[in-house]
Amino acid sequence: MIAIDFATDFAARPIAEPDTGLDQLLAQLERSQTTLALANSRRGMVHQPACEAIAETLEVTAAHPRLLPVGTLDPRRYVGWEDDLRACIDGGCVAYRFFPGRQNWTPRIRLFEKMAAAIAETGRPIIVDLNGPGAGAAREWMWPLAELAHRLGFPLVLNEVSYGYLGELITVMHDYPEVHAVIRWLCLADMLELMHAEGLTSRLLYGTNAPQYSVTALRNQVLMAEIPEEAKAAILAGNALRLLGLDPAKLPVPPLTIKPEADLPTRPIIDMHAHVGGFPLPQPNDLAEQTTVPRMSERCNIELTIVSHYNAINYDMRQGNAQTQRLLDRHPTLRGYVVCDPRDLAGSVEQMERYFKDPRFVGVKLYCPFGGNMATYRMQALLDEVARFGRPTLIHMDEGGSPYGGVRQACQRNPDLVIVKAHGDDAEGARQVLDLPNVYFEFCSSGIQPGRIRRAMDILGPERILFGTDQQLFAPWFEYGAYLDAFTNEREAELVLRENPRRIYRL
């Protein structure tokens, strides 16, 4: 099998965060044996004139034959857009990419329609990214975009479609054969299996959005999917070849054969951030007391998985914790978090007293977006109670403001209280807790980035990094791939994947 990456970008003069440099992109593609990658300059994604972005894309891709140029037009500019399109055509652009979310415009505007009509005459696909600060309406953009593609007759490729929009995406793809989707952000566990069952894998495209995101993570996602080998080959390259009109026997560069096996742990590891209980997403196999976590963990060589119950997090703390215990009874490879809620301090203490009698419960889970900012009085009071029990606490990202002020207060009062910040942070966040040895990071995310893991590890040291996956939301091999990309030696992997969780959770 070969791999063709349908969505990458580069910055000729990158900043350190995130890792967007051309050298980073080329290194990732070489390491992963990617045959071809569609690429555009990041100038076209931000506030730069389109003509300059196109020129940089054409210059760089001409020097690197494994990169295929992608034109980036911007309706905000207006002036000279037809000349920009002509430059793309003359330069051999194989597709055209738009960024309405990042650039705060809607694809419902008339100028975009005129641009799409002109591109349609070339027969080239149009890629539309649905992420960015202006993408709150992205779920509602899919249908109008599909209607436009159908009316004008061009292939539409939706990129950076949130997994939360998967239900609408499936519906739109069923109704409009012109619609294709890049799979990077469609990273739910069992997503590819669902799309195959829906008969849609012939319109899925392997696109990593490297170098910012992990190539290994997405490669693992495809290779571990329980779908036919021919469907995997189609996603990795076949669909792209057909869409671009490329003859696999006459590629512009020699094809590179990828290894057909996913990169998985050779020895058992520990996942300290997982969930049981169903999410409101197209994952029909997970319900309150029915979970796919043990089977996924087994497939990824995870010997112990520490779980919290989603029902306990956002609806019924007592019922959810009881459901966790019943799942622990059925699955010996699971360990549990006691979910606590600062809005119910007495109830939280009662839950810890009850469940910490069971040695299979090894920590506390606090979900700050529901429970409140880390610096609130009630959250501080709860952390003092947690410290009394001497168990580590996993906190979710705090959406009500930076968590570090509250984390600092609690840790300074309770120097033995271990706090693990879920979903990690970049270098600046790591610097804020550098002097707090009882604060750790783990990095599970739909947008997991090896660069963030690496930068935080360089500051905190591998002794303060943990491996988590957010199962059953995401598959463990997807998250593991990004960690693997971040490690520089076996000792780091040993600490993060095995020794640190055993020490912290007393496993």
Protein backbone atom coordinates (compact mmCIF):
# COMPACT_ATOMS: atom_id res chain seq x y z
CA MET A 1 0.00 0.00 0.00
CA ILE A 2 1.00 3.61 -0.52
CA ALA A 3 -0.17 6.76 1.24
CA ILE A 4 -1.20 10.10 -0.27
CA ASP A 5 -1.78 12.86 2.28
CA PHE A 6 -4.61 15.08 1.06
CA ALA A 7 -4.13 17.94 3.54
CA THR A 8 -0.80 19.38 4.67
CA ASP A 9 0.59 22.88 5.01
CA PHE A 10 3.86 24.57 5.79
CA ALA A 11 5.35 27.87 6.90
CA ALA A 12 8.60 28.95 5.30
CA ARG A 13 9.43 30.96 8.44
CA PRO A 14 7.61 29.19 11.27
CA ILE A 15 7.32 30.04 14.94
CA ALA A 16 8.00 27.39 17.55
CA GLU A 17 4.36 26.82 18.56
CA PRO A 18 2.87 25.04 16.72
CA ASP A 19 5.37 23.10 14.62
CA THR A 20 4.43 24.30 11.14
CA GLY A 21 7.80 24.54 9.40
CA LEU A 22 8.55 23.08 6.00
CA ASP A 23 11.43 21.08 7.48
CA GLN A 24 9.02 19.52 9.99
CA LEU A 25 6.59 18.60 7.24
CA LEU A 26 9.25 17.05 5.02
CA ALA A 27 10.72 15.08 7.92
CA GLN A 28 7.32 13.69 8.92
CA LEU A 29 6.47 12.67 5.38
CA GLU A 30 9.85 11.01 4.89
CA ARG A 31 9.66 9.15 8.19
CA SER A 32 6.17 7.87 7.39
CA GLN A 33 7.01 6.89 3.78
CA THR A 34 4.27 9.11 2.36
CA THR A 35 4.41 9.01 -1.43
CA LEU A 36 2.67 12.33 -2.18
CA ALA A 37 1.19 15.13 -0.11
CA LEU A 38 -1.06 17.96 -1.18
CA ALA A 39 0.45 21.09 0.36
CA ASN A 40 -0.10 24.82 0.61
CA SER A 41 1.72 27.68 2.28
CA ARG A 42 0.22 28.82 5.57
CA ARG A 43 0.25 32.34 4.16
CA GLY A 44 -2.99 31.35 2.49
CA MET A 45 -4.55 30.37 5.82
CA VAL A 46 -3.92 33.63 7.64
CA HIS A 47 -3.97 37.32 6.82
CA GLN A 48 -1.68 37.45 3.79
CA PRO A 49 -2.51 38.38 0.18
CA ALA A 50 -3.50 35.30 -1.81
CA CYS A 51 -1.09 36.09 -4.65
CA GLU A 52 1.90 35.92 -2.29
CA ALA A 53 0.63 32.72 -0.71
CA ILE A 54 0.21 31.08 -4.09
CA ALA A 55 3.68 32.15 -5.19
CA GLU A 56 5.23 30.64 -2.07
CA THR A 57 3.28 27.40 -2.51
CA LEU A 58 4.38 27.05 -6.12
CA GLU A 59 8.02 27.85 -5.32
CA VAL A 60 8.26 25.34 -2.47
CA THR A 61 6.39 22.50 -4.16
CA ALA A 62 8.48 22.91 -7.32
CA ALA A 63 11.57 22.24 -5.21
CA HIS A 64 10.05 19.17 -3.51
CA PRO A 65 8.41 16.83 -6.01
CA ARG A 66 6.59 14.78 -3.38
CA LEU A 67 4.56 17.91 -2.55
CA LEU A 68 1.65 18.68 -4.88
CA PRO A 69 0.63 22.37 -4.99
CA VAL A 70 -2.75 23.44 -3.65
CA GLY A 71 -4.08 26.88 -4.53
CA THR A 72 -5.52 29.08 -1.78
CA LEU A 73 -7.98 31.76 -2.80
CA ASP A 74 -9.44 34.27 -0.35
CA PRO A 75 -12.73 36.06 -1.09
CA ARG A 76 -11.90 38.80 1.43
CA ARG A 77 -9.20 40.08 -0.91
CA TYR A 78 -11.38 40.26 -4.06
CA VAL A 79 -8.82 42.32 -5.99
CA GLY A 80 -7.15 40.19 -8.63
CA TRP A 81 -8.75 36.90 -7.63
CA GLU A 82 -9.13 35.82 -11.27
CA ASP A 83 -5.42 36.47 -11.80
CA ASP A 84 -4.72 34.41 -8.67
CA LEU A 85 -6.75 31.55 -10.11
CA ARG A 86 -4.87 31.78 -13.39
CA ALA A 87 -1.56 31.61 -11.50
CA CYS A 88 -2.78 28.44 -9.78
CA ILE A 89 -3.82 26.87 -13.07
CA ASP A 90 -0.56 27.78 -14.78
CA GLY A 91 1.40 26.52 -11.76
CA GLY A 92 -0.25 23.11 -11.86
CA CYS A 93 -2.31 23.28 -8.66
CA VAL A 94 -4.10 19.97 -8.16
CA ALA A 95 -6.79 21.34 -5.82
CA TYR A 96 -8.03 24.57 -4.22
CA ARG A 97 -8.38 25.11 -0.48
CA PHE A 98 -10.54 27.63 1.40
CA PHE A 99 -10.56 28.59 5.10
CA PRO A 100 -13.87 30.30 5.96
CA GLY A 101 -13.67 29.44 9.66
CA ARG A 102 -10.14 30.71 10.15
CA GLN A 103 -10.79 33.81 8.06
CA ASN A 104 -14.23 34.62 9.49
CA TRP A 105 -16.33 34.50 6.34
CA THR A 106 -19.16 32.20 5.39
CA PRO A 107 -19.21 30.00 2.28
CA ARG A 108 -22.74 31.24 1.62
CA ILE A 109 -21.35 34.49 0.16
CA ARG A 110 -21.78 35.25 -3.54
CA LEU A 111 -18.07 35.77 -4.29
CA PHE A 112 -17.19 32.31 -3.05
CA GLU A 113 -19.84 30.90 -5.38
CA LYS A 114 -18.26 32.73 -8.32
CA MET A 115 -14.83 31.43 -7.36
CA ALA A 116 -16.22 27.89 -7.06
CA ALA A 117 -17.85 28.18 -10.49
CA ALA A 118 -14.54 29.23 -12.05
CA ILE A 119 -12.67 26.41 -10.33
CA ALA A 120 -15.34 23.92 -11.41
CA GLU A 121 -14.33 24.57 -15.03
CA THR A 122 -10.88 23.17 -14.23
CA GLY A 123 -12.31 19.89 -12.91
CA ARG A 124 -10.19 20.18 -9.77
CA PRO A 125 -11.54 19.46 -6.27
CA ILE A 126 -12.30 22.26 -3.82
CA ILE A 127 -11.22 21.67 -0.21
CA VAL A 128 -13.07 23.61 2.47
CA ASP A 129 -11.77 23.63 6.04
CA LEU A 130 -14.57 23.73 8.61
CA ASN A 131 -12.47 24.61 11.67
CA GLY A 132 -11.31 27.91 13.10
CA PRO A 133 -12.66 30.67 15.33
CA GLY A 134 -15.44 31.55 12.90
CA ALA A 135 -16.60 27.97 12.40
CA GLY A 136 -19.47 27.88 14.88
CA ALA A 137 -21.88 27.46 11.98
CA ALA A 138 -19.76 24.81 10.23
CA ARG A 139 -22.33 22.09 10.84
CA GLU A 140 -24.80 24.21 8.87
CA TRP A 141 -22.32 24.88 6.05
CA MET A 142 -22.09 21.28 4.89
CA TRP A 143 -25.46 21.07 3.21
CA PRO A 144 -25.22 24.41 1.30
CA LEU A 145 -21.69 23.52 0.21
CA ALA A 146 -22.89 20.14 -1.02
CA GLU A 147 -25.77 21.79 -2.89
CA LEU A 148 -23.32 24.17 -4.55
CA ALA A 149 -20.97 21.33 -5.54
CA HIS A 150 -23.89 19.40 -6.99
CA ARG A 151 -25.19 22.38 -8.96
CA LEU A 152 -21.78 23.44 -10.30
CA GLY A 153 -20.42 19.92 -10.75
CA PHE A 154 -17.15 19.98 -8.78
CA PRO A 155 -15.76 17.47 -6.25
CA LEU A 156 -16.11 18.93 -2.74
CA VAL A 157 -13.67 17.85 -0.02
CA LEU A 158 -14.61 18.78 3.53
CA ASN A 159 -11.54 19.06 5.75
CA GLU A 160 -11.27 19.44 9.53
CA VAL A 161 -14.86 18.32 10.05
CA SER A 162 -15.40 17.89 13.78
CA TYR A 163 -16.31 14.41 14.97
CA GLY A 164 -19.28 16.12 16.61
CA TYR A 165 -20.66 16.78 13.11
CA LEU A 166 -20.35 13.17 11.96
CA GLY A 167 -24.07 12.47 11.88
CA GLU A 168 -24.75 15.43 9.59
CA LEU A 169 -21.73 14.59 7.44
CA ILE A 170 -22.98 11.04 6.85
CA THR A 171 -26.41 12.38 5.92
CA VAL A 172 -24.98 14.93 3.48
CA MET A 173 -22.62 12.35 1.92
CA HIS A 174 -25.53 9.98 1.32
CA ASP A 175 -27.47 12.72 -0.46
CA TYR A 176 -24.60 14.21 -2.49
CA PRO A 177 -22.05 11.96 -4.24
CA GLU A 178 -19.84 15.01 -4.89
CA VAL A 179 -18.95 15.23 -1.18
CA HIS A 180 -15.73 13.72 0.17
CA ALA A 181 -14.22 14.06 3.64
CA VAL A 182 -10.69 14.22 5.06
CA ILE A 183 -10.55 11.97 8.12
CA ARG A 184 -8.05 13.75 10.43
CA TRP A 185 -10.63 15.24 12.82
CA LEU A 186 -13.15 12.45 12.25
CA CYS A 187 -11.20 10.41 14.77
CA LEU A 188 -13.91 8.80 16.87
CA ALA A 189 -13.25 5.20 17.78
CA ASP A 190 -15.01 2.92 15.25
CA MET A 191 -15.65 5.87 12.91
CA LEU A 192 -14.12 4.15 9.89
CA GLU A 193 -16.09 0.99 10.64
CA LEU A 194 -19.29 3.04 10.75
CA MET A 195 -18.48 4.85 7.51
CA HIS A 196 -17.73 1.53 5.82
CA ALA A 197 -21.05 0.10 7.03
CA GLU A 198 -22.71 3.19 5.55
CA GLY A 199 -21.01 2.54 2.21
CA LEU A 200 -18.96 5.75 2.28
CA THR A 201 -15.32 4.67 2.50
CA SER A 202 -14.85 5.31 -1.22
CA ARG A 203 -15.13 9.04 -0.46
CA LEU A 204 -12.88 9.25 2.58
CA LEU A 205 -9.44 10.80 2.17
CA TYR A 206 -6.35 10.30 4.29
CA GLY A 207 -5.21 13.77 5.31
CA THR A 208 -3.14 14.43 8.42
CA ASN A 209 -2.92 18.23 8.40
CA ALA A 210 0.76 17.69 9.15
CA PRO A 211 3.13 18.93 10.40
CA GLN A 212 1.00 20.30 13.22
CA TYR A 213 -0.72 16.96 13.80
CA SER A 214 0.56 13.42 14.04
CA VAL A 215 1.03 11.27 10.94
CA THR A 216 1.48 8.12 13.03
CA ALA A 217 -1.77 8.71 14.92
CA LEU A 218 -3.88 8.90 11.77
CA ARG A 219 -2.00 6.08 10.06
CA ASN A 220 -2.76 3.89 13.09
CA GLN A 221 -6.42 4.88 12.89
CA VAL A 222 -6.67 3.54 9.33
CA LEU A 223 -4.53 0.44 9.78
CA MET A 224 -6.34 -0.66 12.95
CA ALA A 225 -9.82 -0.21 11.47
CA GLU A 226 -11.77 -3.44 11.21
CA ILE A 227 -12.62 -2.94 7.56
CA PRO A 228 -11.44 -4.81 4.42
CA GLU A 229 -7.87 -4.23 3.27
CA GLU A 230 -9.08 -2.80 -0.03
CA ALA A 231 -11.07 -0.16 1.89
CA LYS A 232 -7.95 0.82 3.84
CA ALA A 233 -5.95 1.06 0.60
CA ALA A 234 -8.68 3.25 -0.90
CA ILE A 235 -8.65 5.64 2.07
CA LEU A 236 -4.85 5.84 2.18
CA ALA A 237 -4.36 6.53 -1.52
CA GLY A 238 -6.84 5.05 -3.96
CA ASN A 239 -9.57 7.61 -3.45
CA ALA A 240 -7.08 10.47 -3.80
CA LEU A 241 -5.62 9.01 -7.00
CA ARG A 242 -9.08 8.78 -8.53
CA LEU A 243 -10.11 12.26 -7.40
CA LEU A 244 -6.92 13.83 -8.75
CA GLY A 245 -6.94 11.81 -11.95
CA LEU A 246 -3.51 10.30 -11.27
CA ASP A 247 -2.39 7.03 -12.82
CA PRO A 248 -0.75 4.94 -10.06
CA ALA A 249 1.65 3.58 -12.69
CA LYS A 250 2.76 7.08 -13.75
CA LEU A 251 3.20 9.03 -10.54
CA PRO A 252 5.56 12.04 -10.61
CA VAL A 253 7.79 10.33 -8.03
CA PRO A 254 8.60 6.69 -7.21
CA PRO A 255 5.95 5.22 -4.90
CA LEU A 256 6.91 4.46 -1.32
CA THR A 257 5.41 1.34 0.24
CA ILE A 258 4.19 1.81 3.79
CA LYS A 259 4.27 -0.96 6.33
CA PRO A 260 0.79 -2.51 6.67
CA GLU A 261 0.89 -2.85 10.47
CA ALA A 262 0.05 -0.12 12.95
CA ASP A 263 2.69 1.14 15.39
CA LEU A 264 1.63 -0.40 18.72
CA PRO A 265 3.34 -0.94 22.07
CA THR A 266 5.57 -3.99 22.13
CA ARG A 267 5.12 -4.28 25.92
CA PRO A 268 2.02 -3.58 28.04
CA ILE A 269 1.29 0.06 28.91
CA ILE A 270 -1.16 1.96 31.16
CA ASP A 271 -3.91 4.36 30.05
CA MET A 272 -4.80 6.74 32.86
CA HIS A 273 -7.55 8.77 31.11
CA ALA A 274 -10.52 6.86 29.76
CA HIS A 275 -14.31 6.87 30.09
CA VAL A 276 -17.21 4.48 30.26
CA GLY A 277 -20.80 5.40 29.53
CA GLY A 278 -22.15 6.57 26.20
CA PHE A 279 -21.59 9.91 24.50
CA PRO A 280 -24.22 11.61 22.28
CA LEU A 281 -22.24 10.65 19.18
CA PRO A 282 -22.45 7.91 16.50
CA GLN A 283 -20.95 5.25 18.76
CA PRO A 284 -23.78 2.74 19.22
CA ASN A 285 -21.74 0.13 21.10
CA ASP A 286 -21.21 2.18 24.28
CA LEU A 287 -23.97 2.74 26.82
CA ALA A 288 -24.22 3.22 30.58
CA GLU A 289 -23.10 -0.33 31.39
CA GLN A 290 -21.85 -1.49 28.01
CA THR A 291 -18.32 -0.48 27.04
CA THR A 292 -15.81 -1.14 24.27
CA VAL A 293 -12.88 0.07 26.38
CA PRO A 294 -11.55 -3.34 27.54
CA ARG A 295 -11.47 -4.71 23.99
CA MET A 296 -9.80 -1.58 22.54
CA SER A 297 -7.27 -1.60 25.36
CA GLU A 298 -6.45 -5.23 24.69
CA ARG A 299 -5.91 -4.51 20.99
CA CYS A 300 -3.44 -1.73 21.95
CA ASN A 301 -1.54 -3.80 24.55
CA ILE A 302 -2.89 -1.70 27.46
CA GLU A 303 -2.83 -3.79 30.61
CA LEU A 304 -4.70 -1.35 32.91
CA THR A 305 -7.14 1.42 31.96
CA ILE A 306 -8.37 3.96 34.52
CA VAL A 307 -11.94 5.08 33.73
CA SER A 308 -14.51 7.58 34.92
CA HIS A 309 -18.21 7.36 34.07
CA TYR A 310 -19.63 10.03 31.80
CA ASN A 311 -22.97 9.80 33.60
CA ALA A 312 -21.21 10.69 36.86
CA ILE A 313 -19.41 13.61 35.24
CA ASN A 314 -22.32 15.50 33.75
CA TYR A 315 -25.59 14.14 35.14
CA ASP A 316 -25.72 11.89 38.21
CA MET A 317 -22.55 11.56 40.29
CA ARG A 318 -23.87 8.78 42.54
CA GLN A 319 -25.45 6.67 39.85
CA GLY A 320 -22.44 7.04 37.54
CA ASN A 321 -19.91 6.03 40.20
CA ALA A 322 -22.03 2.98 41.03
CA GLN A 323 -22.11 2.08 37.34
CA THR A 324 -18.32 2.36 37.23
CA GLN A 325 -18.04 -0.12 40.08
CA ARG A 326 -20.29 -2.62 38.32
CA LEU A 327 -18.15 -2.34 35.19
CA LEU A 328 -15.01 -2.94 37.30
CA ASP A 329 -16.67 -6.13 38.55
CA ARG A 330 -17.05 -7.34 34.97
CA HIS A 331 -13.71 -6.20 33.53
CA PRO A 332 -10.59 -6.99 35.61
CA THR A 333 -8.31 -4.76 33.48
CA LEU A 334 -10.23 -1.61 34.46
CA ARG A 335 -9.53 0.70 37.39
CA GLY A 336 -11.79 3.55 38.43
CA TYR A 337 -11.92 7.25 39.23
CA VAL A 338 -14.38 8.50 41.82
CA VAL A 339 -16.11 11.42 40.12
CA CYS A 340 -16.67 14.34 42.50
CA ASP A 341 -18.61 17.57 42.13
CA PRO A 342 -17.74 20.80 44.00
CA ARG A 343 -21.42 21.78 43.85
CA ASP A 344 -22.05 18.91 46.27
CA LEU A 345 -19.15 18.89 48.72
CA ALA A 346 -20.76 16.62 51.30
CA GLY A 347 -21.90 14.20 48.63
CA SER A 348 -18.43 14.14 47.10
CA VAL A 349 -16.85 13.30 50.45
CA GLU A 350 -19.41 10.52 50.94
CA GLN A 351 -18.58 9.11 47.49
CA MET A 352 -14.84 9.08 48.25
CA GLU A 353 -15.43 7.43 51.63
CA ARG A 354 -17.57 4.78 49.96
CA TYR A 355 -15.52 3.93 46.90
CA PHE A 356 -11.97 4.28 48.19
CA LYS A 357 -12.71 1.25 50.36
CA ASP A 358 -12.53 -0.58 47.03
CA PRO A 359 -8.82 -0.67 46.02
CA ARG A 360 -9.80 -0.70 42.35
CA PHE A 361 -10.70 3.00 42.66
CA VAL A 362 -7.37 4.77 42.38
CA GLY A 363 -8.10 8.49 41.89
CA VAL A 364 -10.57 11.37 41.63
CA LYS A 365 -11.99 12.92 38.47
CA LEU A 366 -13.03 16.59 38.44
CA TYR A 367 -14.69 18.04 35.35
CA CYS A 368 -14.12 21.76 35.74
CA PRO A 369 -16.41 23.02 32.93
CA PHE A 370 -19.38 21.65 34.89
CA GLY A 371 -17.98 22.04 38.40
CA GLY A 372 -16.51 25.53 38.15
CA ASN A 373 -13.20 27.34 37.82
CA MET A 374 -10.31 25.80 39.73
CA ALA A 375 -9.94 28.98 41.78
CA THR A 376 -13.51 29.05 43.10
CA TYR A 377 -14.03 28.62 46.82
CA ARG A 378 -16.03 25.42 46.38
CA MET A 379 -13.42 23.83 44.09
CA GLN A 380 -10.66 24.71 46.55
CA ALA A 381 -12.68 23.22 49.40
CA LEU A 382 -13.18 20.02 47.43
CA LEU A 383 -9.47 19.77 46.58
CA ASP A 384 -8.67 20.06 50.29
CA GLU A 385 -10.97 17.10 50.91
CA VAL A 386 -9.41 15.12 48.07
CA ALA A 387 -5.97 15.77 49.56
CA ARG A 388 -7.17 14.16 52.77
CA PHE A 389 -7.68 10.87 50.93
CA GLY A 390 -4.24 11.02 49.32
CA ARG A 391 -5.42 10.13 45.82
CA PRO A 392 -4.35 11.76 42.54
CA THR A 393 -6.88 14.03 40.85
CA LEU A 394 -7.48 14.24 37.10
CA ILE A 395 -8.86 17.66 36.11
CA HIS A 396 -10.40 18.45 32.74
CA MET A 397 -9.46 21.65 30.90
CA ASP A 398 -11.06 24.60 32.70
CA GLU A 399 -13.18 26.55 30.22
CA GLY A 400 -13.95 29.31 32.71
CA GLY A 401 -10.43 30.72 32.66
CA SER A 402 -6.88 29.57 33.22
CA PRO A 403 -6.76 26.76 35.79
CA TYR A 404 -3.26 27.53 36.99
CA GLY A 405 -4.10 30.06 39.67
CA GLY A 406 -6.43 27.60 41.37
CA VAL A 407 -4.07 24.69 40.85
CA ARG A 408 -1.25 26.67 42.46
CA GLN A 409 -3.35 27.59 45.50
CA ALA A 410 -4.43 24.00 46.12
CA CYS A 411 -0.99 22.48 45.57
CA GLN A 412 0.77 24.97 47.79
CA ARG A 413 -1.69 24.29 50.61
CA ASN A 414 -1.52 20.54 49.98
CA PRO A 415 2.00 19.65 48.80
CA ASP A 416 1.13 15.94 48.67
CA LEU A 417 -1.93 16.47 46.45
CA VAL A 418 -1.21 15.16 42.94
CA ILE A 419 -3.06 16.98 40.14
CA VAL A 420 -3.00 15.67 36.58
CA LYS A 421 -4.06 18.24 34.00
CA ALA A 422 -6.01 16.43 31.31
CA HIS A 423 -5.42 17.30 27.65
CA GLY A 424 -2.08 18.88 28.49
CA ASP A 425 -0.83 22.30 27.47
CA ASP A 426 1.96 23.82 25.47
CA ALA A 427 5.25 25.24 26.69
CA GLU A 428 3.75 28.31 28.33
CA GLY A 429 1.38 26.19 30.43
CA ALA A 430 4.23 23.88 31.42
CA ARG A 431 6.27 26.86 32.61
CA GLN A 432 3.43 27.92 34.91
CA VAL A 433 3.62 24.65 36.87
CA LEU A 434 7.34 23.97 36.60
CA ASP A 435 7.88 24.77 40.28
CA LEU A 436 4.93 22.56 41.37
CA PRO A 437 6.37 19.01 41.37
CA ASN A 438 2.95 17.52 42.18
CA VAL A 439 1.39 18.69 38.88
CA TYR A 440 1.47 16.41 35.83
CA PHE A 441 0.25 16.65 32.21
CA GLU A 442 -1.38 14.12 29.89
CA PHE A 443 -2.36 14.96 26.31
CA CYS A 444 -5.29 12.98 24.91
CA SER A 445 -7.26 14.98 22.34
CA SER A 446 -8.89 14.83 18.92
CA GLY A 447 -6.21 17.36 17.96
CA ILE A 448 -3.31 15.64 19.67
CA GLN A 449 -0.01 17.23 18.66
CA PRO A 450 3.40 15.60 19.13
CA GLY A 451 4.99 19.05 19.21
CA ARG A 452 3.00 20.08 22.28
CA ILE A 453 3.90 16.86 24.07
CA ARG A 454 7.57 17.34 23.18
CA ARG A 455 7.74 20.98 24.29
CA ALA A 456 6.01 20.28 27.60
CA MET A 457 8.21 17.25 28.20
CA ASP A 458 11.33 19.30 27.55
CA ILE A 459 10.25 21.71 30.32
CA LEU A 460 8.70 19.38 32.90
CA GLY A 461 10.76 16.30 32.18
CA PRO A 462 9.34 12.90 31.14
CA GLU A 463 8.79 12.08 34.84
CA ARG A 464 5.79 14.45 34.84
CA ILE A 465 4.05 13.28 31.66
CA LEU A 466 1.37 10.57 31.54
CA PHE A 467 -0.32 8.64 28.74
CA GLY A 468 -4.09 9.00 28.33
CA THR A 469 -6.45 8.28 25.46
CA ASP A 470 -9.98 9.56 26.22
CA GLN A 471 -11.36 6.14 25.35
CA GLN A 472 -14.04 5.25 24.38
CA LEU A 473 -14.34 8.57 22.57
CA PHE A 474 -11.05 8.01 20.72
CA ALA A 475 -9.20 4.81 19.98
CA PRO A 476 -6.05 4.25 22.06
CA TRP A 477 -3.87 3.51 19.01
CA PHE A 478 -4.73 6.94 17.62
CA GLU A 479 -3.50 8.72 20.76
CA TYR A 480 -0.53 6.38 21.16
CA GLY A 481 0.69 7.29 17.67
CA ALA A 482 1.13 10.95 18.62
CA TYR A 483 3.01 10.09 21.82
CA LEU A 484 5.23 7.81 19.76
CA ASP A 485 6.01 10.71 17.43
CA ALA A 486 6.98 12.84 20.45
CA PHE A 487 9.35 10.41 22.17
CA THR A 488 13.05 10.69 21.44
CA ASN A 489 14.27 7.63 23.36
CA GLU A 490 13.08 4.45 25.06
CA ARG A 491 13.60 5.81 28.57
CA GLU A 492 11.04 8.57 27.99
CA ALA A 493 8.54 6.01 26.73
CA GLU A 494 9.17 3.76 29.72
CA LEU A 495 8.49 6.57 32.17
CA VAL A 496 5.40 7.96 30.45
CA LEU A 497 3.75 4.71 29.48
CA ARG A 498 4.56 2.56 32.51
CA GLU A 499 6.60 3.83 35.44
CA ASN A 500 4.89 7.20 36.04
CA PRO A 501 1.32 5.85 36.26
CA ARG A 502 2.39 2.93 38.43
CA ARG A 503 4.06 5.32 40.86
CA ILE A 504 1.35 8.00 40.92
CA TYR A 505 -1.67 5.67 41.09
CA ARG A 506 0.08 3.04 43.23
CA LEU A 507 -0.74 0.30 40.74
